[in-house]
PDB file of N, CA and C in Angstrom:
ATOM      1  N   MET A   1      74.232 -15.136  62.222  1.00  0.00           N
ATOM      2  CA  MET A   1      74.379 -13.364  63.388  1.00  0.00           C
ATOM      3  C   MET A   1      73.159 -13.439  61.920  1.00  0.00           C
ATOM      4  N   ARG A   2      72.235 -11.981  63.037  1.00  0.00           N
ATOM      5  CA  ARG A   2      71.078 -10.800  61.807  1.00  0.00           C
ATOM      6  C   ARG A   2      71.981  -9.569  61.651  1.00  0.00           C
ATOM      7  N   VAL A   3      71.673  -9.585  60.636  1.00  0.00           N
ATOM      8  CA  VAL A   3      71.458  -7.792  59.740  1.00  0.00           C
ATOM      9  C   VAL A   3      70.420  -6.769  60.190  1.00  0.00           C
ATOM     10  N   ILE A   4      71.126  -6.367  61.688  1.00  0.00           N
ATOM     11  CA  ILE A   4      70.051  -5.066  60.841  1.00  0.00           C
ATOM     12  C   ILE A   4      69.755  -3.482  59.608  1.00  0.00           C
ATOM     13  N   LYS A   5      69.001  -3.310  58.886  1.00  0.00           N
ATOM     14  CA  LYS A   5      69.147  -2.610  57.740  1.00  0.00           C
ATOM     15  C   LYS A   5      68.589  -1.044  58.835  1.00  0.00           C
ATOM     16  N   ASP A   6      69.564   0.142  59.046  1.00  0.00           N
ATOM     17  CA  ASP A   6      68.977   1.409  59.483  1.00  0.00           C
ATOM     18  C   ASP A   6      69.054   2.422  57.933  1.00  0.00           C
ATOM     19  N   SER A   7      68.476   3.530  57.948  1.00  0.00           N
ATOM     20  CA  SER A   7      68.905   4.962  57.020  1.00  0.00           C
ATOM     21  C   SER A   7      70.666   5.206  56.822  1.00  0.00           C
ATOM     22  N   ARG A   8      70.757   4.807  58.191  1.00  0.00           N
ATOM     23  CA  ARG A   8      72.396   5.327  57.585  1.00  0.00           C
ATOM     24  C   ARG A   8      73.512   4.563  57.388  1.00  0.00           C
ATOM     25  N   GLN A   9      73.462   3.131  57.359  1.00  0.00           N
ATOM     26  CA  GLN A   9      74.377   2.057  58.187  1.00  0.00           C
ATOM     27  C   GLN A   9      73.823   1.033  58.653  1.00  0.00           C
ATOM     28  N   PRO A  10      74.076   0.193  58.016  1.00  0.00           N
ATOM     29  CA  PRO A  10      73.779  -1.932  58.470  1.00  0.00           C
ATOM     30  C   PRO A  10      74.599  -2.221  59.788  1.00  0.00           C
ATOM     31  N   ARG A  11      73.858  -2.585  60.990  1.00  0.00           N
ATOM     32  CA  ARG A  11      73.753  -2.623  62.208  1.00  0.00           C
ATOM     33  C   ARG A  11      74.131  -3.825  62.405  1.00  0.00           C
ATOM     34  N   THR A  12      75.232  -4.273  63.001  1.00  0.00           N
ATOM     35  CA  THR A  12      75.168  -6.335  62.944  1.00  0.00           C
ATOM     36  C   THR A  12      74.941  -6.715  64.527  1.00  0.00           C
ATOM     37  N   PHE A  13      73.683  -8.018  64.948  1.00  0.00           N
ATOM     38  CA  PHE A  13      74.382  -8.076  65.720  1.00  0.00           C
ATOM     39  C   PHE A  13      74.921  -9.978  66.205  1.00  0.00           C
ATOM     40  N   ASP A  14      75.080 -10.462  67.063  1.00  0.00           N
ATOM     41  CA  ASP A  14      75.649 -11.500  67.205  1.00  0.00           C
ATOM     42  C   ASP A  14      74.626 -12.733  67.133  1.00  0.00           C
ATOM     43  N   LYS A  15      74.104 -12.247  68.369  1.00  0.00           N
ATOM     44  CA  LYS A  15      72.794 -13.105  69.757  1.00  0.00           C
ATOM     45  C   LYS A  15      71.559 -12.014  69.629  1.00  0.00           C
ATOM     46  N   PRO A  16      70.513 -12.998  69.601  1.00  0.00           N
ATOM     47  CA  PRO A  16      69.149 -11.698  69.535  1.00  0.00           C
ATOM     48  C   PRO A  16      68.769 -11.361  70.545  1.00  0.00           C
ATOM     49  N   GLU A  17      69.266 -11.254  71.795  1.00  0.00           N
ATOM     50  CA  GLU A  17      69.393 -10.292  72.673  1.00  0.00           C
ATOM     51  C   GLU A  17      70.138  -8.924  72.096  1.00  0.00           C
ATOM     52  N   ASP A  18      70.973  -9.165  71.457  1.00  0.00           N
ATOM     53  CA  ASP A  18      71.292  -7.977  71.611  1.00  0.00           C
ATOM     54  C   ASP A  18      70.660  -6.616  70.814  1.00  0.00           C
ATOM     55  N   CYS A  19      69.862  -7.849  70.086  1.00  0.00           N
ATOM     56  CA  CYS A  19      68.820  -6.180  69.463  1.00  0.00           C
ATOM     57  C   CYS A  19      67.674  -5.598  70.740  1.00  0.00           C
ATOM     58  N   SER A  20      68.117  -6.015  71.460  1.00  0.00           N
ATOM     59  CA  SER A  20      67.408  -5.221  72.433  1.00  0.00           C
ATOM     60  C   SER A  20      68.434  -3.825  73.024  1.00  0.00           C
ATOM     61  N   TYR A  21      67.118  -2.835  73.345  1.00  0.00           N
ATOM     62  CA  TYR A  21      67.438  -1.798  73.415  1.00  0.00           C
ATOM     63  C   TYR A  21      69.049  -1.129  74.094  1.00  0.00           C
ATOM     64  N   ARG A  22      70.296  -1.223  73.548  1.00  0.00           N
ATOM     65  CA  ARG A  22      71.129  -1.434  74.913  1.00  0.00           C
ATOM     66  C   ARG A  22      71.328  -0.626  75.632  1.00  0.00           C
ATOM     67  N   PHE A  23      72.136  -0.671  76.343  1.00  0.00           N
ATOM     68  CA  PHE A  23      72.426  -0.232  77.921  1.00  0.00           C
ATOM     69  C   PHE A  23      70.814  -0.144  78.520  1.00  0.00           C
ATOM     70  N   GLY A  24      69.575  -1.551  78.285  1.00  0.00           N
ATOM     71  CA  GLY A  24      68.340  -0.928  78.814  1.00  0.00           C
ATOM     72  C   GLY A  24      68.227  -1.119  80.578  1.00  0.00           C
ATOM     73  N   LYS A  25      68.713  -1.761  80.450  1.00  0.00           N
ATOM     74  CA  LYS A  25      68.802  -1.976  81.963  1.00  0.00           C
ATOM     75  C   LYS A  25      69.568  -1.188  82.631  1.00  0.00           C
ATOM     76  N   ASP A  26      70.126  -0.429  82.419  1.00  0.00           N
ATOM     77  CA  ASP A  26      71.513   0.425  83.225  1.00  0.00           C
ATOM     78  C   ASP A  26      71.044   1.733  82.312  1.00  0.00           C
ATOM     79  N   LEU A  27      70.567   1.877  81.997  1.00  0.00           N
ATOM     80  CA  LEU A  27      69.636   3.250  81.411  1.00  0.00           C
ATOM     81  C   LEU A  27      69.330   3.830  82.521  1.00  0.00           C
ATOM     82  N   PHE A  28      68.887   3.499  83.786  1.00  0.00           N
ATOM     83  CA  PHE A  28      67.727   4.831  85.158  1.00  0.00           C
ATOM     84  C   PHE A  28      69.354   4.014  86.630  1.00  0.00           C
ATOM     85  N   MET A  29      70.177   3.279  86.099  1.00  0.00           N
ATOM     86  CA  MET A  29      71.141   3.277  87.342  1.00  0.00           C
ATOM     87  C   MET A  29      72.005   4.315  87.726  1.00  0.00           C
ATOM     88  N   LYS A  30      71.742   4.466  89.469  1.00  0.00           N
ATOM     89  CA  LYS A  30      72.415   6.340  89.588  1.00  0.00           C
ATOM     90  C   LYS A  30      73.786   5.979  90.987  1.00  0.00           C
ATOM     91  N   TYR A  31      73.984   5.614  91.141  1.00  0.00           N
ATOM     92  CA  TYR A  31      75.382   4.849  91.673  1.00  0.00           C
ATOM     93  C   TYR A  31      75.704   5.914  92.785  1.00  0.00           C
ATOM     94  N   VAL A  32      75.759   5.723  94.287  1.00  0.00           N
ATOM     95  CA  VAL A  32      75.151   6.784  95.063  1.00  0.00           C
ATOM     96  C   VAL A  32      76.709   6.191  96.147  1.00  0.00           C
ATOM     97  N   SER A  33      77.024   6.721  96.678  1.00  0.00           N
ATOM     98  CA  SER A  33      78.356   6.411  97.738  1.00  0.00           C
ATOM     99  C   SER A  33      77.507   7.373  99.091  1.00  0.00           C
ATOM    100  N   VAL A  34      77.433   6.613 100.268  1.00  0.00           N
ATOM    101  CA  VAL A  34      76.969   7.906 101.422  1.00  0.00           C
ATOM    102  C   VAL A  34      78.532   6.876 101.931  1.00  0.00           C
ATOM    103  N   ARG A  35      79.142   8.391 102.291  1.00  0.00           N
ATOM    104  CA  ARG A  35      79.991   8.147 104.083  1.00  0.00           C
ATOM    105  C   ARG A  35      80.313   8.362 105.234  1.00  0.00           C
ATOM    106  N   VAL A  36      80.341   7.931 106.132  1.00  0.00           N
ATOM    107  CA  VAL A  36      79.855   8.169 107.341  1.00  0.00           C
ATOM    108  C   VAL A  36      80.817   8.496 108.134  1.00  0.00           C
ATOM    109  N   VAL A  37      81.195   9.829 109.205  1.00  0.00           N
ATOM    110  CA  VAL A  37      81.545  10.460 109.942  1.00  0.00           C
ATOM    111  C   VAL A  37      81.761  10.529 110.635  1.00  0.00           C
ATOM    112  N   ASP A  38      82.801  10.282 112.517  1.00  0.00           N
ATOM    113  CA  ASP A  38      81.835  11.174 113.616  1.00  0.00           C
ATOM    114  C   ASP A  38      82.338  11.953 113.594  1.00  0.00           C
ATOM    115  N   SER A  39      82.410  13.255 114.769  1.00  0.00           N
ATOM    116  CA  SER A  39      82.461  14.310 115.024  1.00  0.00           C
ATOM    117  C   SER A  39      84.195  14.821 114.334  1.00  0.00           C
ATOM    118  N   SER A  40      85.297  13.650 114.805  1.00  0.00           N
ATOM    119  CA  SER A  40      86.157  14.060 114.332  1.00  0.00           C
ATOM    120  C   SER A  40      86.736  13.828 113.203  1.00  0.00           C
ATOM    121  N   GLY A  41      85.759  13.531 112.995  1.00  0.00           N
ATOM    122  CA  GLY A  41      86.220  12.380 111.466  1.00  0.00           C
ATOM    123  C   GLY A  41      86.554  12.098 110.541  1.00  0.00           C
ATOM    124  N   ARG A  42      86.254  11.223 112.132  1.00  0.00           N
ATOM    125  CA  ARG A  42      86.388   9.666 111.930  1.00  0.00           C
ATOM    126  C   ARG A  42      85.650   8.225 110.700  1.00  0.00           C
ATOM    127  N   PRO A  43      86.351   7.260 110.455  1.00  0.00           N
ATOM    128  CA  PRO A  43      84.519   6.441 109.431  1.00  0.00           C
ATOM    129  C   PRO A  43      84.437   6.230 110.637  1.00  0.00           C
ATOM    130  N   LYS A  44      83.430   6.084 110.561  1.00  0.00           N
ATOM    131  CA  LYS A  44      82.294   5.325 111.056  1.00  0.00           C
ATOM    132  C   LYS A  44      82.118   3.805 110.786  1.00  0.00           C
ATOM    133  N   LYS A  45      82.346   2.438 111.458  1.00  0.00           N
ATOM    134  CA  LYS A  45      82.632   1.034 110.622  1.00  0.00           C
ATOM    135  C   LYS A  45      81.300   0.581 111.338  1.00  0.00           C
ATOM    136  N   ASN A  46      80.495  -0.183 110.011  1.00  0.00           N
ATOM    137  CA  ASN A  46      79.134  -1.120 110.571  1.00  0.00           C
ATOM    138  C   ASN A  46      78.472  -0.740 111.101  1.00  0.00           C
ATOM    139  N   VAL A  47      78.034   0.708 110.227  1.00  0.00           N
ATOM    140  CA  VAL A  47      76.524   1.633 110.340  1.00  0.00           C
ATOM    141  C   VAL A  47      75.745   1.377 109.495  1.00  0.00           C
ATOM    142  N   ARG A  48      74.604   1.395 110.166  1.00  0.00           N
ATOM    143  CA  ARG A  48      72.879   0.982 109.007  1.00  0.00           C
ATOM    144  C   ARG A  48      73.137   1.846 108.469  1.00  0.00           C
ATOM    145  N   VAL A  49      73.130   2.555 106.878  1.00  0.00           N
ATOM    146  CA  VAL A  49      72.632   3.162 105.888  1.00  0.00           C
ATOM    147  C   VAL A  49      71.258   2.558 104.995  1.00  0.00           C
ATOM    148  N   ILE A  50      70.624   3.292 104.820  1.00  0.00           N
ATOM    149  CA  ILE A  50      69.356   3.025 103.944  1.00  0.00           C
ATOM    150  C   ILE A  50      68.643   4.169 103.491  1.00  0.00           C
ATOM    151  N   ILE A  51      68.201   3.669 101.760  1.00  0.00           N
ATOM    152  CA  ILE A  51      67.882   4.630 101.241  1.00  0.00           C
ATOM    153  C   ILE A  51      66.387   4.514 101.290  1.00  0.00           C
ATOM    154  N   SER A  52      65.932   5.616 101.081  1.00  0.00           N
ATOM    155  CA  SER A  52      64.673   5.229  99.761  1.00  0.00           C
ATOM    156  C   SER A  52      63.771   5.984  99.397  1.00  0.00           C
ATOM    157  N   THR A  53      62.841   5.824  98.715  1.00  0.00           N
ATOM    158  CA  THR A  53      63.233   6.359  96.848  1.00  0.00           C
ATOM    159  C   THR A  53      61.349   6.635  97.025  1.00  0.00           C
ATOM    160  N   ASN A  54      61.316   7.802  96.030  1.00  0.00           N
ATOM    161  CA  ASN A  54      60.319   8.492  95.477  1.00  0.00           C
ATOM    162  C   ASN A  54      60.461   8.953  94.320  1.00  0.00           C
ATOM    163  N   GLN A  55      59.379   8.384  93.497  1.00  0.00           N
ATOM    164  CA  GLN A  55      59.778   7.737  91.863  1.00  0.00           C
ATOM    165  C   GLN A  55      58.402   8.264  91.607  1.00  0.00           C
ATOM    166  N   PHE A  56      58.456   8.561  90.099  1.00  0.00           N
ATOM    167  CA  PHE A  56      56.454   8.547  89.506  1.00  0.00           C
ATOM    168  C   PHE A  56      56.891   7.439  88.949  1.00  0.00           C
ATOM    169  N   LEU A  57      55.052   6.820  89.853  1.00  0.00           N
ATOM    170  CA  LEU A  57      54.207   5.611  90.138  1.00  0.00           C
ATOM    171  C   LEU A  57      54.904   4.853  90.647  1.00  0.00           C
ATOM    172  N   ALA A  58      55.777   5.254  91.910  1.00  0.00           N
ATOM    173  CA  ALA A  58      56.965   3.430  92.225  1.00  0.00           C
ATOM    174  C   ALA A  58      57.309   4.750  93.406  1.00  0.00           C
ATOM    175  N   ALA A  59      57.619   3.818  94.965  1.00  0.00           N
ATOM    176  CA  ALA A  59      58.229   4.879  96.113  1.00  0.00           C
ATOM    177  C   ALA A  59      58.238   3.232  96.488  1.00  0.00           C
ATOM    178  N   GLY A  60      59.098   3.440  98.034  1.00  0.00           N
ATOM    179  CA  GLY A  60      60.052   1.788  98.762  1.00  0.00           C
ATOM    180  C   GLY A  60      61.920   2.210  98.944  1.00  0.00           C
ATOM    181  N   GLY A  61      61.756   1.126  99.545  1.00  0.00           N
ATOM    182  CA  GLY A  61      63.096   0.596  99.826  1.00  0.00           C
ATOM    183  C   GLY A  61      63.926  -0.184  99.158  1.00  0.00           C
ATOM    184  N   PHE A  62      64.939  -0.239  99.882  1.00  0.00           N
ATOM    185  CA  PHE A  62      66.271  -0.333  99.374  1.00  0.00           C
ATOM    186  C   PHE A  62      67.359  -1.914 100.305  1.00  0.00           C
ATOM    187  N   PRO A  63      67.518  -3.037 100.081  1.00  0.00           N
ATOM    188  CA  PRO A  63      67.724  -3.369 101.709  1.00  0.00           C
ATOM    189  C   PRO A  63      68.945  -3.001 102.386  1.00  0.00           C
ATOM    190  N   PRO A  64      69.048  -3.085 103.144  1.00  0.00           N
ATOM    191  CA  PRO A  64      70.455  -1.841 104.490  1.00  0.00           C
ATOM    192  C   PRO A  64      71.952  -2.373 103.976  1.00  0.00           C
ATOM    193  N   VAL A  65      72.600  -1.035 104.315  1.00  0.00           N
ATOM    194  CA  VAL A  65      74.088  -1.634 103.453  1.00  0.00           C
ATOM    195  C   VAL A  65      74.529  -0.741 104.748  1.00  0.00           C
ATOM    196  N   TYR A  66      75.582  -1.744 105.275  1.00  0.00           N
ATOM    197  CA  TYR A  66      76.907  -1.522 106.709  1.00  0.00           C
ATOM    198  C   TYR A  66      78.156  -0.587 105.842  1.00  0.00           C
ATOM    199  N   THR A  67      78.587   0.039 106.825  1.00  0.00           N
ATOM    200  CA  THR A  67      80.068   0.737 105.912  1.00  0.00           C
ATOM    201  C   THR A  67      80.742   0.272 106.171  1.00  0.00           C
ATOM    202  N   ASN A  68      82.131   0.128 105.986  1.00  0.00           N
ATOM    203  CA  ASN A  68      83.084  -0.226 105.693  1.00  0.00           C
ATOM    204  C   ASN A  68      84.354   0.062 106.713  1.00  0.00           C
ATOM    205  N   SER A  69      84.722  -0.654 106.843  1.00  0.00           N
ATOM    206  CA  SER A  69      85.578  -0.251 107.454  1.00  0.00           C
ATOM    207  C   SER A  69      86.501   1.294 107.361  1.00  0.00           C
ATOM    208  N   ASP A  70      86.156   1.602 106.089  1.00  0.00           N
ATOM    209  CA  ASP A  70      86.498   3.760 105.256  1.00  0.00           C
ATOM    210  C   ASP A  70      84.895   4.113 105.554  1.00  0.00           C
ATOM    211  N   GLY A  71      83.764   3.851 106.522  1.00  0.00           N
ATOM    212  CA  GLY A  71      82.851   3.870 107.200  1.00  0.00           C
ATOM    213  C   GLY A  71      82.018   4.929 105.416  1.00  0.00           C
ATOM    214  N   LEU A  72      82.281   4.206 104.018  1.00  0.00           N
ATOM    215  CA  LEU A  72      81.734   3.688 103.240  1.00  0.00           C
ATOM    216  C   LEU A  72      80.457   3.036 102.095  1.00  0.00           C
ATOM    217  N   ALA A  73      79.937   4.024 102.186  1.00  0.00           N
ATOM    218  CA  ALA A  73      77.879   2.868 102.081  1.00  0.00           C
ATOM    219  C   ALA A  73      77.896   3.035 100.875  1.00  0.00           C
ATOM    220  N   ARG A  74      78.338   2.340  99.425  1.00  0.00           N
ATOM    221  CA  ARG A  74      77.918   2.277  98.520  1.00  0.00           C
ATOM    222  C   ARG A  74      76.159   1.651  97.703  1.00  0.00           C
ATOM    223  N   PHE A  75      75.530   2.197  96.979  1.00  0.00           N
ATOM    224  CA  PHE A  75      74.548   1.480  96.640  1.00  0.00           C
ATOM    225  C   PHE A  75      74.021   1.743  95.063  1.00  0.00           C
ATOM    226  N   ASP A  76      74.184   0.366  94.496  1.00  0.00           N
ATOM    227  CA  ASP A  76      73.700   0.688  93.062  1.00  0.00           C
ATOM    228  C   ASP A  76      71.981   0.833  93.383  1.00  0.00           C
ATOM    229  N   LEU A  77      71.227   2.121  92.317  1.00  0.00           N
ATOM    230  CA  LEU A  77      69.829   1.625  93.165  1.00  0.00           C
ATOM    231  C   LEU A  77      69.076   2.661  90.906  1.00  0.00           C
ATOM    232  N   ASN A  78      68.421   0.952  90.750  1.00  0.00           N
ATOM    233  CA  ASN A  78      67.463   1.497  89.588  1.00  0.00           C
ATOM    234  C   ASN A  78      66.390   2.127  89.502  1.00  0.00           C
ATOM    235  N   ILE A  79      67.059   4.048  89.240  1.00  0.00           N
ATOM    236  CA  ILE A  79      65.006   4.657  89.816  1.00  0.00           C
ATOM    237  C   ILE A  79      65.355   5.471  87.691  1.00  0.00           C
ATOM    238  N   ASP A  80      64.791   6.041  87.881  1.00  0.00           N
ATOM    239  CA  ASP A  80      64.480   7.373  87.196  1.00  0.00           C
ATOM    240  C   ASP A  80      65.597   8.485  87.447  1.00  0.00           C
ATOM    241  N   ASP A  81      64.857   9.644  86.517  1.00  0.00           N
ATOM    242  CA  ASP A  81      65.008  10.424  86.231  1.00  0.00           C
ATOM    243  C   ASP A  81      64.566  11.505  87.103  1.00  0.00           C
ATOM    244  N   SER A  82      63.484  11.888  87.296  1.00  0.00           N
ATOM    245  CA  SER A  82      61.986  12.116  88.039  1.00  0.00           C
ATOM    246  C   SER A  82      62.086  11.355  90.191  1.00  0.00           C
ATOM    247  N   ALA A  83      63.149  10.753  89.226  1.00  0.00           N
ATOM    248  CA  ALA A  83      62.527   9.851  91.445  1.00  0.00           C
ATOM    249  C   ALA A  83      63.990  11.195  92.194  1.00  0.00           C
ATOM    250  N   LYS A  84      64.021  11.239  93.459  1.00  0.00           N
ATOM    251  CA  LYS A  84      64.059  11.772  95.261  1.00  0.00           C
ATOM    252  C   LYS A  84      64.528  10.157  95.621  1.00  0.00           C
ATOM    253  N   ILE A  85      65.348  11.164  96.732  1.00  0.00           N
ATOM    254  CA  ILE A  85      65.132   9.127  98.279  1.00  0.00           C
ATOM    255  C   ILE A  85      66.081  10.314  99.042  1.00  0.00           C
ATOM    256  N   GLU A  86      66.103   9.412 100.070  1.00  0.00           N
ATOM    257  CA  GLU A  86      66.366  10.402 101.595  1.00  0.00           C
ATOM    258  C   GLU A  86      66.811   9.276 101.395  1.00  0.00           C
ATOM    259  N   ILE A  87      68.236   9.430 102.551  1.00  0.00           N
ATOM    260  CA  ILE A  87      68.819   8.617 103.291  1.00  0.00           C
ATOM    261  C   ILE A  87      69.256   8.860 105.116  1.00  0.00           C
ATOM    262  N   SER A  88      69.316   7.513 105.668  1.00  0.00           N
ATOM    263  CA  SER A  88      69.259   7.456 107.107  1.00  0.00           C
ATOM    264  C   SER A  88      70.500   6.448 107.752  1.00  0.00           C
ATOM    265  N   VAL A  89      70.958   7.143 108.944  1.00  0.00           N
ATOM    266  CA  VAL A  89      71.796   6.531 108.693  1.00  0.00           C
ATOM    267  C   VAL A  89      71.235   5.753 110.044  1.00  0.00           C
ATOM    268  N   GLY A  90      72.095   4.901 110.162  1.00  0.00           N
ATOM    269  CA  GLY A  90      70.767   3.688 111.665  1.00  0.00           C
ATOM    270  C   GLY A  90      70.476   4.043 111.906  1.00  0.00           C
ATOM    271  N   TYR A  91      69.596   4.090 112.917  1.00  0.00           N
ATOM    272  CA  TYR A  91      68.008   5.072 112.506  1.00  0.00           C
ATOM    273  C   TYR A  91      67.233   6.385 112.570  1.00  0.00           C
ATOM    274  N   LYS A  92      67.899   7.185 112.092  1.00  0.00           N
ATOM    275  CA  LYS A  92      68.107   8.397 111.782  1.00  0.00           C
ATOM    276  C   LYS A  92      67.521   9.161 111.112  1.00  0.00           C
ATOM    277  N   GLN A  93      67.179  10.381 110.027  1.00  0.00           N
ATOM    278  CA  GLN A  93      66.801  10.248 108.413  1.00  0.00           C
ATOM    279  C   GLN A  93      68.016  11.465 109.019  1.00  0.00           C
ATOM    280  N   VAL A  94      69.090  11.710 108.162  1.00  0.00           N
ATOM    281  CA  VAL A  94      69.559  12.343 107.545  1.00  0.00           C
ATOM    282  C   VAL A  94      70.056  12.947 106.786  1.00  0.00           C
ATOM    283  N   VAL A  95      68.911  12.877 105.922  1.00  0.00           N
ATOM    284  CA  VAL A  95      68.583  13.801 104.033  1.00  0.00           C
ATOM    285  C   VAL A  95      67.656  13.625 103.723  1.00  0.00           C
ATOM    286  N   GLY A  96      66.388  14.313 103.357  1.00  0.00           N
ATOM    287  CA  GLY A  96      65.432  14.780 103.159  1.00  0.00           C
ATOM    288  C   GLY A  96      64.923  14.263 102.004  1.00  0.00           C
ATOM    289  N   LEU A  97      63.776  14.006 101.065  1.00  0.00           N
ATOM    290  CA  LEU A  97      63.728  14.007  99.700  1.00  0.00           C
ATOM    291  C   LEU A  97      64.457  14.786  98.866  1.00  0.00           C
ATOM    292  N   SER A  98      65.145  14.933  97.965  1.00  0.00           N
ATOM    293  CA  SER A  98      66.118  15.538  96.640  1.00  0.00           C
ATOM    294  C   SER A  98      66.302  14.154  95.884  1.00  0.00           C
ATOM    295  N   LYS A  99      66.525  15.230  95.053  1.00  0.00           N
ATOM    296  CA  LYS A  99      67.169  14.755  94.167  1.00  0.00           C
ATOM    297  C   LYS A  99      68.583  13.743  93.748  1.00  0.00           C
ATOM    298  N   PRO A 100      68.990  12.477  93.858  1.00  0.00           N
ATOM    299  CA  PRO A 100      70.032  11.756  93.971  1.00  0.00           C
ATOM    300  C   PRO A 100      71.820  12.404  94.509  1.00  0.00           C
ATOM    301  N   LYS A 101      72.784  12.736  94.093  1.00  0.00           N
ATOM    302  CA  LYS A 101      73.921  13.034  93.772  1.00  0.00           C
ATOM    303  C   LYS A 101      74.613  11.915  94.531  1.00  0.00           C
ATOM    304  N   SER A 102      75.689  12.011  93.625  1.00  0.00           N
ATOM    305  CA  SER A 102      77.109  10.510  93.756  1.00  0.00           C
ATOM    306  C   SER A 102      77.487  10.400  95.261  1.00  0.00           C
ATOM    307  N   GLU A 103      77.472  11.209  95.616  1.00  0.00           N
ATOM    308  CA  GLU A 103      77.780  10.832  97.679  1.00  0.00           C
ATOM    309  C   GLU A 103      77.674  11.629  98.487  1.00  0.00           C
ATOM    310  N   TYR A 104      77.966  11.988  99.041  1.00  0.00           N
ATOM    311  CA  TYR A 104      76.716  11.866 100.228  1.00  0.00           C
ATOM    312  C   TYR A 104      78.131  11.712 101.944  1.00  0.00           C
ATOM    313  N   PHE A 105      78.715  13.013 102.075  1.00  0.00           N
ATOM    314  CA  PHE A 105      79.030  12.965 103.546  1.00  0.00           C
ATOM    315  C   PHE A 105      79.297  13.105 104.666  1.00  0.00           C
ATOM    316  N   ILE A 106      78.847  12.581 105.783  1.00  0.00           N
ATOM    317  CA  ILE A 106      77.825  12.617 106.670  1.00  0.00           C
ATOM    318  C   ILE A 106      78.065  12.054 108.127  1.00  0.00           C
ATOM    319  N   THR A 107      78.278  13.243 108.409  1.00  0.00           N
ATOM    320  CA  THR A 107      79.407  13.371 110.365  1.00  0.00           C
ATOM    321  C   THR A 107      77.807  13.226 111.316  1.00  0.00           C
ATOM    322  N   ILE A 108      78.340  11.907 111.705  1.00  0.00           N
ATOM    323  CA  ILE A 108      77.196  11.778 113.205  1.00  0.00           C
ATOM    324  C   ILE A 108      78.216  11.477 114.332  1.00  0.00           C
TER     325      ILE A 108
END
């Protein structure tokens, strides 16, 4: 075990990888849910949902996710705070570039 001295109090780490910045991997994780329903409010199953991003020095997309029987598609996005996303359902863009929210409700 290694002891890291700090001006406030000593911290201990059991493994060398614990010395890296804690939560560094999840620092920029955003969790986004997209619920897709038809005009009568029933969930749409097996609908293709794509999220594309535009962020500082990077842009791109994530693999498509298909909605489950509840009409829900979930994304775990590793993006920074300056990122904006756009959402396409089927092959049609339904949400333009905007700051990501945790949940979207889309009627098709």
